[in-house]
């Protein structure tokens, strides 16, 4: 079991999480929870024309079982470090799902 804490921000509308992406990966996957609580995610798309951001939103929506329209990039549109908003899901549910996907626990 992964004992690292996610950097989650519970809000009235849902939650926000810190994510670091690695574009141009061989597969889409949640890789790790970094020491600062950031979730590291690998994405197959290149970071051009917003393709990595689009795929990141679709990937997060898929693993959290929510519509992509409930996922938004709040900050970091052009950075590998992003703040992701997730409408309608509480922090505990997100924490449980993401920690369950981390492979190197």
PDB file of N, CA and C in Angstrom:
ATOM      1  N   UNK A   1       0.834  -1.177   0.000  1.00  0.00           N
ATOM      2  CA  UNK A   1       0.000   0.000   0.000  1.00  0.00           C
ATOM      3  C   UNK A   1       0.880   1.242   0.000  1.00  0.00           C
ATOM      4  N   UNK A   2       0.524   2.212  -0.799  1.00  0.00           N
ATOM      5  CA  UNK A   2       1.286   3.439  -0.890  1.00  0.00           C
ATOM      6  C   UNK A   2       0.938   4.338   0.285  1.00  0.00           C
ATOM      7  N   UNK A   3       1.934   4.733   1.047  1.00  0.00           N
ATOM      8  CA  UNK A   3       1.705   5.549   2.233  1.00  0.00           C
ATOM      9  C   UNK A   3       1.949   7.033   1.969  1.00  0.00           C
ATOM     10  N   UNK A   4       2.368   7.391   0.770  1.00  0.00           N
ATOM     11  CA  UNK A   4       2.562   8.793   0.439  1.00  0.00           C
ATOM     12  C   UNK A   4       1.203   9.471   0.342  1.00  0.00           C
ATOM     13  N   UNK A   5       1.159  10.714   0.747  1.00  0.00           N
ATOM     14  CA  UNK A   5      -0.085  11.477   0.702  1.00  0.00           C
ATOM     15  C   UNK A   5      -0.185  12.233  -0.610  1.00  0.00           C
ATOM     16  N   UNK A   6      -1.370  12.209  -1.205  1.00  0.00           N
ATOM     17  CA  UNK A   6      -1.618  13.016  -2.396  1.00  0.00           C
ATOM     18  C   UNK A   6      -1.788  14.469  -1.992  1.00  0.00           C
ATOM     19  N   UNK A   7      -1.389  15.357  -2.882  1.00  0.00           N
ATOM     20  CA  UNK A   7      -1.614  16.781  -2.669  1.00  0.00           C
ATOM     21  C   UNK A   7      -2.993  17.089  -3.260  1.00  0.00           C
ATOM     22  N   UNK A   8      -4.025  16.938  -2.431  1.00  0.00           N
ATOM     23  CA  UNK A   8      -5.408  17.146  -2.841  1.00  0.00           C
ATOM     24  C   UNK A   8      -5.957  18.407  -2.197  1.00  0.00           C
ATOM     25  N   UNK A   9      -6.825  19.067  -2.919  1.00  0.00           N
ATOM     26  CA  UNK A   9      -7.476  20.265  -2.413  1.00  0.00           C
ATOM     27  C   UNK A   9      -8.985  20.056  -2.494  1.00  0.00           C
ATOM     28  N   UNK A  10      -9.626  19.700  -1.378  1.00  0.00           N
ATOM     29  CA  UNK A  10     -11.086  19.557  -1.407  1.00  0.00           C
ATOM     30  C   UNK A  10     -11.750  20.922  -1.571  1.00  0.00           C
ATOM     31  N   UNK A  11     -12.726  20.985  -2.425  1.00  0.00           N
ATOM     32  CA  UNK A  11     -13.469  22.211  -2.684  1.00  0.00           C
ATOM     33  C   UNK A  11     -14.960  21.893  -2.648  1.00  0.00           C
ATOM     34  N   UNK A  12     -15.796  22.889  -2.561  1.00  0.00           N
ATOM     35  CA  UNK A  12     -17.241  22.672  -2.551  1.00  0.00           C
ATOM     36  C   UNK A  12     -17.713  22.027  -3.858  1.00  0.00           C
ATOM     37  N   UNK A  13     -17.049  22.317  -4.954  1.00  0.00           N
ATOM     38  CA  UNK A  13     -17.440  21.797  -6.268  1.00  0.00           C
ATOM     39  C   UNK A  13     -16.811  20.446  -6.590  1.00  0.00           C
ATOM     40  N   UNK A  14     -15.849  19.991  -5.805  1.00  0.00           N
ATOM     41  CA  UNK A  14     -15.133  18.743  -6.075  1.00  0.00           C
ATOM     42  C   UNK A  14     -13.761  18.781  -5.440  1.00  0.00           C
ATOM     43  N   UNK A  15     -12.738  18.513  -6.239  1.00  0.00           N
ATOM     44  CA  UNK A  15     -11.367  18.493  -5.723  1.00  0.00           C
ATOM     45  C   UNK A  15     -10.392  18.955  -6.801  1.00  0.00           C
ATOM     46  N   UNK A  16      -9.194  19.274  -6.354  1.00  0.00           N
ATOM     47  CA  UNK A  16      -8.106  19.603  -7.274  1.00  0.00           C
ATOM     48  C   UNK A  16      -6.891  18.785  -6.869  1.00  0.00           C
ATOM     49  N   UNK A  17      -6.147  18.308  -7.865  1.00  0.00           N
ATOM     50  CA  UNK A  17      -4.945  17.526  -7.602  1.00  0.00           C
ATOM     51  C   UNK A  17      -3.780  18.098  -8.400  1.00  0.00           C
ATOM     52  N   UNK A  18      -2.595  17.901  -7.874  1.00  0.00           N
ATOM     53  CA  UNK A  18      -1.380  18.298  -8.574  1.00  0.00           C
ATOM     54  C   UNK A  18      -0.880  17.104  -9.368  1.00  0.00           C
ATOM     55  N   UNK A  19      -0.552  17.341 -10.622  1.00  0.00           N
ATOM     56  CA  UNK A  19      -0.124  16.286 -11.534  1.00  0.00           C
ATOM     57  C   UNK A  19       1.148  16.719 -12.244  1.00  0.00           C
ATOM     58  N   UNK A  20       2.076  15.797 -12.433  1.00  0.00           N
ATOM     59  CA  UNK A  20       3.248  16.013 -13.282  1.00  0.00           C
ATOM     60  C   UNK A  20       3.142  15.010 -14.413  1.00  0.00           C
ATOM     61  N   UNK A  21       3.143  15.504 -15.652  1.00  0.00           N
ATOM     62  CA  UNK A  21       3.018  14.581 -16.777  1.00  0.00           C
ATOM     63  C   UNK A  21       4.360  14.352 -17.460  1.00  0.00           C
ATOM     64  N   UNK A  22       4.460  13.178 -18.023  1.00  0.00           N
ATOM     65  CA  UNK A  22       5.596  12.827 -18.871  1.00  0.00           C
ATOM     66  C   UNK A  22       5.006  12.499 -20.239  1.00  0.00           C
ATOM     67  N   UNK A  23       5.104  13.418 -21.192  1.00  0.00           N
ATOM     68  CA  UNK A  23       4.551  13.174 -22.525  1.00  0.00           C
ATOM     69  C   UNK A  23       5.414  12.202 -23.326  1.00  0.00           C
ATOM     70  N   UNK A  24       4.876  11.768 -24.429  1.00  0.00           N
ATOM     71  CA  UNK A  24       5.554  10.858 -25.367  1.00  0.00           C
ATOM     72  C   UNK A  24       5.961   9.537 -24.707  1.00  0.00           C
ATOM     73  N   UNK A  25       5.158   9.055 -23.789  1.00  0.00           N
ATOM     74  CA  UNK A  25       5.430   7.780 -23.113  1.00  0.00           C
ATOM     75  C   UNK A  25       4.929   6.632 -23.980  1.00  0.00           C
ATOM     76  N   UNK A  26       5.328   5.421 -23.636  1.00  0.00           N
ATOM     77  CA  UNK A  26       4.895   4.252 -24.399  1.00  0.00           C
ATOM     78  C   UNK A  26       3.457   3.861 -24.093  1.00  0.00           C
ATOM     79  N   UNK A  27       2.954   4.265 -22.914  1.00  0.00           N
ATOM     80  CA  UNK A  27       1.557   4.000 -22.570  1.00  0.00           C
ATOM     81  C   UNK A  27       1.072   5.038 -21.563  1.00  0.00           C
ATOM     82  N   UNK A  28      -0.237   5.175 -21.482  1.00  0.00           N
ATOM     83  CA  UNK A  28      -0.835   6.072 -20.499  1.00  0.00           C
ATOM     84  C   UNK A  28      -0.920   5.318 -19.173  1.00  0.00           C
ATOM     85  N   UNK A  29      -0.374   5.918 -18.119  1.00  0.00           N
ATOM     86  CA  UNK A  29      -0.421   5.252 -16.823  1.00  0.00           C
ATOM     87  C   UNK A  29      -0.121   6.209 -15.686  1.00  0.00           C
ATOM     88  N   UNK A  30      -0.690   5.880 -14.521  1.00  0.00           N
ATOM     89  CA  UNK A  30      -0.334   6.565 -13.287  1.00  0.00           C
ATOM     90  C   UNK A  30       0.911   5.858 -12.783  1.00  0.00           C
ATOM     91  N   UNK A  31       1.996   6.599 -12.602  1.00  0.00           N
ATOM     92  CA  UNK A  31       3.289   6.004 -12.303  1.00  0.00           C
ATOM     93  C   UNK A  31       3.631   6.037 -10.823  1.00  0.00           C
ATOM     94  N   UNK A  32       3.429   7.184 -10.179  1.00  0.00           N
ATOM     95  CA  UNK A  32       3.945   7.348  -8.831  1.00  0.00           C
ATOM     96  C   UNK A  32       3.220   8.485  -8.137  1.00  0.00           C
ATOM     97  N   UNK A  33       3.356   8.509  -6.841  1.00  0.00           N
ATOM     98  CA  UNK A  33       3.002   9.677  -6.047  1.00  0.00           C
ATOM     99  C   UNK A  33       4.333  10.200  -5.519  1.00  0.00           C
ATOM    100  N   UNK A  34       4.712  11.368  -5.953  1.00  0.00           N
ATOM    101  CA  UNK A  34       5.997  11.944  -5.589  1.00  0.00           C
ATOM    102  C   UNK A  34       5.993  12.365  -4.118  1.00  0.00           C
ATOM    103  N   UNK A  35       7.171  12.617  -3.589  1.00  0.00           N
ATOM    104  CA  UNK A  35       7.305  12.970  -2.168  1.00  0.00           C
ATOM    105  C   UNK A  35       6.481  14.194  -1.778  1.00  0.00           C
ATOM    106  N   UNK A  36       6.259  15.109  -2.716  1.00  0.00           N
ATOM    107  CA  UNK A  36       5.472  16.309  -2.401  1.00  0.00           C
ATOM    108  C   UNK A  36       3.975  16.105  -2.597  1.00  0.00           C
ATOM    109  N   UNK A  37       3.537  14.877  -2.937  1.00  0.00           N
ATOM    110  CA  UNK A  37       2.119  14.580  -3.105  1.00  0.00           C
ATOM    111  C   UNK A  37       1.606  14.728  -4.516  1.00  0.00           C
ATOM    112  N   UNK A  38       2.469  15.115  -5.447  1.00  0.00           N
ATOM    113  CA  UNK A  38       2.097  15.242  -6.848  1.00  0.00           C
ATOM    114  C   UNK A  38       1.964  13.856  -7.473  1.00  0.00           C
ATOM    115  N   UNK A  39       0.935  13.675  -8.305  1.00  0.00           N
ATOM    116  CA  UNK A  39       0.726  12.415  -9.002  1.00  0.00           C
ATOM    117  C   UNK A  39       1.476  12.476 -10.330  1.00  0.00           C
ATOM    118  N   UNK A  40       2.355  11.509 -10.580  1.00  0.00           N
ATOM    119  CA  UNK A  40       3.094  11.458 -11.839  1.00  0.00           C
ATOM    120  C   UNK A  40       2.334  10.550 -12.800  1.00  0.00           C
ATOM    121  N   UNK A  41       2.041  11.086 -13.987  1.00  0.00           N
ATOM    122  CA  UNK A  41       1.284  10.371 -15.011  1.00  0.00           C
ATOM    123  C   UNK A  41       2.044  10.414 -16.323  1.00  0.00           C
ATOM    124  N   UNK A  42       2.159   9.268 -16.964  1.00  0.00           N
ATOM    125  CA  UNK A  42       2.738   9.196 -18.313  1.00  0.00           C
ATOM    126  C   UNK A  42       1.614   9.234 -19.328  1.00  0.00           C
ATOM    127  N   UNK A  43       1.840  10.017 -20.387  1.00  0.00           N
ATOM    128  CA  UNK A  43       0.861  10.213 -21.453  1.00  0.00           C
ATOM    129  C   UNK A  43       1.553   9.963 -22.789  1.00  0.00           C
ATOM    130  N   UNK A  44       0.884   9.266 -23.696  1.00  0.00           N
ATOM    131  CA  UNK A  44       1.495   8.929 -24.989  1.00  0.00           C
ATOM    132  C   UNK A  44       1.572  10.108 -25.951  1.00  0.00           C
ATOM    133  N   UNK A  45       0.713  11.080 -25.808  1.00  0.00           N
ATOM    134  CA  UNK A  45       0.677  12.206 -26.744  1.00  0.00           C
ATOM    135  C   UNK A  45       1.859  13.140 -26.555  1.00  0.00           C
ATOM    136  N   UNK A  46       2.220  13.809 -27.628  1.00  0.00           N
ATOM    137  CA  UNK A  46       3.264  14.833 -27.589  1.00  0.00           C
ATOM    138  C   UNK A  46       2.666  16.131 -27.056  1.00  0.00           C
ATOM    139  N   UNK A  47       3.496  16.963 -26.429  1.00  0.00           N
ATOM    140  CA  UNK A  47       2.991  18.217 -25.867  1.00  0.00           C
ATOM    141  C   UNK A  47       2.889  19.326 -26.907  1.00  0.00           C
ATOM    142  N   UNK A  48       2.267  19.040 -28.027  1.00  0.00           N
ATOM    143  CA  UNK A  48       2.098  20.037 -29.073  1.00  0.00           C
ATOM    144  C   UNK A  48       0.621  20.216 -29.376  1.00  0.00           C
ATOM    145  N   UNK A  49       0.241  21.439 -29.645  1.00  0.00           N
ATOM    146  CA  UNK A  49      -1.137  21.784 -29.990  1.00  0.00           C
ATOM    147  C   UNK A  49      -2.151  21.313 -28.954  1.00  0.00           C
ATOM    148  N   UNK A  50      -1.749  21.225 -27.709  1.00  0.00           N
ATOM    149  CA  UNK A  50      -2.664  20.830 -26.648  1.00  0.00           C
ATOM    150  C   UNK A  50      -3.024  19.358 -26.621  1.00  0.00           C
ATOM    151  N   UNK A  51      -2.343  18.543 -27.423  1.00  0.00           N
ATOM    152  CA  UNK A  51      -2.691  17.120 -27.497  1.00  0.00           C
ATOM    153  C   UNK A  51      -2.440  16.381 -26.191  1.00  0.00           C
ATOM    154  N   UNK A  52      -1.346  16.682 -25.514  1.00  0.00           N
ATOM    155  CA  UNK A  52      -1.068  16.018 -24.237  1.00  0.00           C
ATOM    156  C   UNK A  52      -2.106  16.422 -23.189  1.00  0.00           C
ATOM    157  N   UNK A  53      -2.502  17.684 -23.187  1.00  0.00           N
ATOM    158  CA  UNK A  53      -3.524  18.133 -22.240  1.00  0.00           C
ATOM    159  C   UNK A  53      -4.857  17.447 -22.505  1.00  0.00           C
ATOM    160  N   UNK A  54      -5.246  17.343 -23.765  1.00  0.00           N
ATOM    161  CA  UNK A  54      -6.502  16.669 -24.122  1.00  0.00           C
ATOM    162  C   UNK A  54      -6.484  15.205 -23.693  1.00  0.00           C
ATOM    163  N   UNK A  55      -5.389  14.534 -23.970  1.00  0.00           N
ATOM    164  CA  UNK A  55      -5.290  13.131 -23.604  1.00  0.00           C
ATOM    165  C   UNK A  55      -5.249  12.969 -22.082  1.00  0.00           C
ATOM    166  N   UNK A  56      -4.566  13.867 -21.393  1.00  0.00           N
ATOM    167  CA  UNK A  56      -4.521  13.819 -19.935  1.00  0.00           C
ATOM    168  C   UNK A  56      -5.929  13.909 -19.353  1.00  0.00           C
ATOM    169  N   UNK A  57      -6.730  14.829 -19.851  1.00  0.00           N
ATOM    170  CA  UNK A  57      -8.106  14.983 -19.367  1.00  0.00           C
ATOM    171  C   UNK A  57      -8.910  13.710 -19.627  1.00  0.00           C
ATOM    172  N   UNK A  58      -8.804  13.156 -20.826  1.00  0.00           N
ATOM    173  CA  UNK A  58      -9.526  11.918 -21.144  1.00  0.00           C
ATOM    174  C   UNK A  58      -9.052  10.759 -20.275  1.00  0.00           C
ATOM    175  N   UNK A  59      -7.747  10.673 -20.058  1.00  0.00           N
ATOM    176  CA  UNK A  59      -7.190   9.594 -19.248  1.00  0.00           C
ATOM    177  C   UNK A  59      -7.671   9.696 -17.798  1.00  0.00           C
ATOM    178  N   UNK A  60      -7.594  10.886 -17.222  1.00  0.00           N
ATOM    179  CA  UNK A  60      -8.049  11.067 -15.837  1.00  0.00           C
ATOM    180  C   UNK A  60      -9.545  10.778 -15.721  1.00  0.00           C
ATOM    181  N   UNK A  61     -10.322  11.248 -16.677  1.00  0.00           N
ATOM    182  CA  UNK A  61     -11.760  10.967 -16.658  1.00  0.00           C
ATOM    183  C   UNK A  61     -12.025   9.460 -16.700  1.00  0.00           C
ATOM    184  N   UNK A  62     -11.256   8.753 -17.506  1.00  0.00           N
ATOM    185  CA  UNK A  62     -11.432   7.302 -17.603  1.00  0.00           C
ATOM    186  C   UNK A  62     -11.111   6.579 -16.312  1.00  0.00           C
ATOM    187  N   UNK A  63     -10.015   6.955 -15.671  1.00  0.00           N
ATOM    188  CA  UNK A  63      -9.643   6.238 -14.452  1.00  0.00           C
ATOM    189  C   UNK A  63     -10.518   6.627 -13.264  1.00  0.00           C
ATOM    190  N   UNK A  64     -11.086   7.838 -13.288  1.00  0.00           N
ATOM    191  CA  UNK A  64     -11.963   8.264 -12.208  1.00  0.00           C
ATOM    192  C   UNK A  64     -13.437   7.977 -12.505  1.00  0.00           C
ATOM    193  N   UNK A  65     -13.713   7.434 -13.681  1.00  0.00           N
ATOM    194  CA  UNK A  65     -15.075   7.064 -14.091  1.00  0.00           C
ATOM    195  C   UNK A  65     -16.032   8.255 -14.022  1.00  0.00           C
ATOM    196  N   UNK A  66     -15.610   9.336 -14.649  1.00  0.00           N
ATOM    197  CA  UNK A  66     -16.445  10.527 -14.713  1.00  0.00           C
ATOM    198  C   UNK A  66     -16.330  11.120 -16.116  1.00  0.00           C
ATOM    199  N   UNK A  67     -17.249  11.983 -16.500  1.00  0.00           N
ATOM    200  CA  UNK A  67     -17.168  12.601 -17.832  1.00  0.00           C
ATOM    201  C   UNK A  67     -15.949  13.518 -17.955  1.00  0.00           C
ATOM    202  N   UNK A  68     -15.377  13.557 -19.131  1.00  0.00           N
ATOM    203  CA  UNK A  68     -14.234  14.446 -19.381  1.00  0.00           C
ATOM    204  C   UNK A  68     -14.611  15.900 -19.137  1.00  0.00           C
ATOM    205  N   UNK A  69     -15.877  16.231 -19.290  1.00  0.00           N
ATOM    206  CA  UNK A  69     -16.322  17.609 -19.047  1.00  0.00           C
ATOM    207  C   UNK A  69     -16.213  18.006 -17.576  1.00  0.00           C
ATOM    208  N   UNK A  70     -16.045  17.021 -16.675  1.00  0.00           N
ATOM    209  CA  UNK A  70     -15.866  17.304 -15.251  1.00  0.00           C
ATOM    210  C   UNK A  70     -14.404  17.531 -14.877  1.00  0.00           C
ATOM    211  N   UNK A  71     -13.499  17.374 -15.831  1.00  0.00           N
ATOM    212  CA  UNK A  71     -12.065  17.526 -15.591  1.00  0.00           C
ATOM    213  C   UNK A  71     -11.583  18.796 -16.296  1.00  0.00           C
ATOM    214  N   UNK A  72     -10.796  19.599 -15.603  1.00  0.00           N
ATOM    215  CA  UNK A  72     -10.249  20.803 -16.239  1.00  0.00           C
ATOM    216  C   UNK A  72      -8.844  21.075 -15.717  1.00  0.00           C
ATOM    217  N   UNK A  73      -8.071  21.720 -16.546  1.00  0.00           N
ATOM    218  CA  UNK A  73      -6.737  22.154 -16.133  1.00  0.00           C
ATOM    219  C   UNK A  73      -6.884  23.572 -15.592  1.00  0.00           C
ATOM    220  N   UNK A  74      -6.645  23.705 -14.299  1.00  0.00           N
ATOM    221  CA  UNK A  74      -6.792  24.998 -13.628  1.00  0.00           C
ATOM    222  C   UNK A  74      -5.534  25.839 -13.828  1.00  0.00           C
ATOM    223  N   UNK A  75      -4.381  25.193 -13.743  1.00  0.00           N
ATOM    224  CA  UNK A  75      -3.105  25.900 -13.898  1.00  0.00           C
ATOM    225  C   UNK A  75      -2.088  24.960 -14.529  1.00  0.00           C
ATOM    226  N   UNK A  76      -1.159  25.526 -15.293  1.00  0.00           N
ATOM    227  CA  UNK A  76      -0.081  24.749 -15.884  1.00  0.00           C
ATOM    228  C   UNK A  76      -0.359  24.238 -17.282  1.00  0.00           C
ATOM    229  N   UNK A  77      -1.131  24.955 -18.060  1.00  0.00           N
ATOM    230  CA  UNK A  77      -1.483  24.511 -19.418  1.00  0.00           C
ATOM    231  C   UNK A  77      -0.261  24.207 -20.277  1.00  0.00           C
ATOM    232  N   UNK A  78       0.812  24.942 -20.105  1.00  0.00           N
ATOM    233  CA  UNK A  78       2.000  24.726 -20.931  1.00  0.00           C
ATOM    234  C   UNK A  78       3.170  24.145 -20.136  1.00  0.00           C
ATOM    235  N   UNK A  79       2.890  23.656 -18.958  1.00  0.00           N
ATOM    236  CA  UNK A  79       3.924  23.100 -18.089  1.00  0.00           C
ATOM    237  C   UNK A  79       3.702  21.609 -17.878  1.00  0.00           C
ATOM    238  N   UNK A  80       4.750  20.903 -17.473  1.00  0.00           N
ATOM    239  CA  UNK A  80       4.567  19.490 -17.132  1.00  0.00           C
ATOM    240  C   UNK A  80       3.899  19.348 -15.771  1.00  0.00           C
ATOM    241  N   UNK A  81       3.954  20.396 -14.944  1.00  0.00           N
ATOM    242  CA  UNK A  81       3.287  20.412 -13.647  1.00  0.00           C
ATOM    243  C   UNK A  81       1.963  21.151 -13.787  1.00  0.00           C
ATOM    244  N   UNK A  82       0.874  20.469 -13.406  1.00  0.00           N
ATOM    245  CA  UNK A  82      -0.460  21.018 -13.615  1.00  0.00           C
ATOM    246  C   UNK A  82      -1.306  20.887 -12.360  1.00  0.00           C
ATOM    247  N   UNK A  83      -2.281  21.762 -12.228  1.00  0.00           N
ATOM    248  CA  UNK A  83      -3.309  21.650 -11.209  1.00  0.00           C
ATOM    249  C   UNK A  83      -4.588  21.275 -11.945  1.00  0.00           C
ATOM    250  N   UNK A  84      -5.132  20.127 -11.594  1.00  0.00           N
ATOM    251  CA  UNK A  84      -6.292  19.574 -12.294  1.00  0.00           C
ATOM    252  C   UNK A  84      -7.518  19.666 -11.394  1.00  0.00           C
ATOM    253  N   UNK A  85      -8.595  20.252 -11.902  1.00  0.00           N
ATOM    254  CA  UNK A  85      -9.859  20.332 -11.179  1.00  0.00           C
ATOM    255  C   UNK A  85     -10.764  19.175 -11.576  1.00  0.00           C
ATOM    256  N   UNK A  86     -11.403  18.568 -10.590  1.00  0.00           N
ATOM    257  CA  UNK A  86     -12.293  17.434 -10.832  1.00  0.00           C
ATOM    258  C   UNK A  86     -13.621  17.751 -10.154  1.00  0.00           C
ATOM    259  N   UNK A  87     -14.628  18.058 -10.966  1.00  0.00           N
ATOM    260  CA  UNK A  87     -15.949  18.404 -10.442  1.00  0.00           C
ATOM    261  C   UNK A  87     -16.688  17.165  -9.967  1.00  0.00           C
ATOM    262  N   UNK A  88     -17.328  17.281  -8.818  1.00  0.00           N
ATOM    263  CA  UNK A  88     -18.245  16.252  -8.360  1.00  0.00           C
ATOM    264  C   UNK A  88     -17.644  15.052  -7.653  1.00  0.00           C
ATOM    265  N   UNK A  89     -16.324  14.975  -7.520  1.00  0.00           N
ATOM    266  CA  UNK A  89     -15.712  13.859  -6.792  1.00  0.00           C
ATOM    267  C   UNK A  89     -14.995  14.391  -5.560  1.00  0.00           C
ATOM    268  N   UNK A  90     -15.180  13.702  -4.446  1.00  0.00           N
ATOM    269  CA  UNK A  90     -14.506  14.154  -3.237  1.00  0.00           C
ATOM    270  C   UNK A  90     -13.080  13.626  -3.170  1.00  0.00           C
ATOM    271  N   UNK A  91     -12.292  14.241  -2.328  1.00  0.00           N
ATOM    272  CA  UNK A  91     -10.871  13.932  -2.208  1.00  0.00           C
ATOM    273  C   UNK A  91     -10.609  12.483  -1.812  1.00  0.00           C
ATOM    274  N   UNK A  92     -11.418  11.948  -0.929  1.00  0.00           N
ATOM    275  CA  UNK A  92     -11.201  10.578  -0.468  1.00  0.00           C
ATOM    276  C   UNK A  92     -11.336   9.572  -1.609  1.00  0.00           C
ATOM    277  N   UNK A  93     -12.331   9.754  -2.457  1.00  0.00           N
ATOM    278  CA  UNK A  93     -12.550   8.848  -3.593  1.00  0.00           C
ATOM    279  C   UNK A  93     -11.379   8.946  -4.571  1.00  0.00           C
ATOM    280  N   UNK A  94     -10.946  10.157  -4.872  1.00  0.00           N
ATOM    281  CA  UNK A  94      -9.823  10.357  -5.788  1.00  0.00           C
ATOM    282  C   UNK A  94      -8.556   9.733  -5.212  1.00  0.00           C
ATOM    283  N   UNK A  95      -8.308   9.959  -3.933  1.00  0.00           N
ATOM    284  CA  UNK A  95      -7.147   9.393  -3.261  1.00  0.00           C
ATOM    285  C   UNK A  95      -7.150   7.864  -3.368  1.00  0.00           C
ATOM    286  N   UNK A  96      -8.270   7.259  -3.092  1.00  0.00           N
ATOM    287  CA  UNK A  96      -8.402   5.800  -3.139  1.00  0.00           C
ATOM    288  C   UNK A  96      -8.120   5.261  -4.541  1.00  0.00           C
ATOM    289  N   UNK A  97      -8.705   5.872  -5.550  1.00  0.00           N
ATOM    290  CA  UNK A  97      -8.532   5.398  -6.929  1.00  0.00           C
ATOM    291  C   UNK A  97      -7.082   5.560  -7.385  1.00  0.00           C
ATOM    292  N   UNK A  98      -6.508   6.743  -7.209  1.00  0.00           N
ATOM    293  CA  UNK A  98      -5.161   6.996  -7.701  1.00  0.00           C
ATOM    294  C   UNK A  98      -4.117   6.166  -6.979  1.00  0.00           C
ATOM    295  N   UNK A  99      -4.218   6.033  -5.682  1.00  0.00           N
ATOM    296  CA  UNK A  99      -3.266   5.199  -4.947  1.00  0.00           C
ATOM    297  C   UNK A  99      -3.368   3.740  -5.370  1.00  0.00           C
ATOM    298  N   UNK A 100      -4.558   3.307  -5.741  1.00  0.00           N
ATOM    299  CA  UNK A 100      -4.741   1.939  -6.203  1.00  0.00           C
ATOM    300  C   UNK A 100      -4.100   1.676  -7.552  1.00  0.00           C
ATOM    301  N   UNK A 101      -3.824   2.729  -8.319  1.00  0.00           N
ATOM    302  CA  UNK A 101      -3.242   2.570  -9.655  1.00  0.00           C
ATOM    303  C   UNK A 101      -1.720   2.667  -9.682  1.00  0.00           C
ATOM    304  N   UNK A 102      -1.125   3.158  -8.612  1.00  0.00           N
ATOM    305  CA  UNK A 102       0.315   3.350  -8.589  1.00  0.00           C
ATOM    306  C   UNK A 102       0.990   1.984  -8.584  1.00  0.00           C
ATOM    307  N   UNK A 103       1.893   1.789  -9.526  1.00  0.00           N
ATOM    308  CA  UNK A 103       2.527   0.478  -9.718  1.00  0.00           C
ATOM    309  C   UNK A 103       3.701   0.222  -8.806  1.00  0.00           C
ATOM    310  N   UNK A 104       4.418   1.249  -8.423  1.00  0.00           N
ATOM    311  CA  UNK A 104       5.627   1.043  -7.630  1.00  0.00           C
ATOM    312  C   UNK A 104       5.393   1.350  -6.156  1.00  0.00           C
ATOM    313  N   UNK A 105       4.448   0.660  -5.570  1.00  0.00           N
ATOM    314  CA  UNK A 105       4.156   0.868  -4.152  1.00  0.00           C
ATOM    315  C   UNK A 105       4.829  -0.177  -3.303  1.00  0.00           C
TER     316      UNK A 105
END
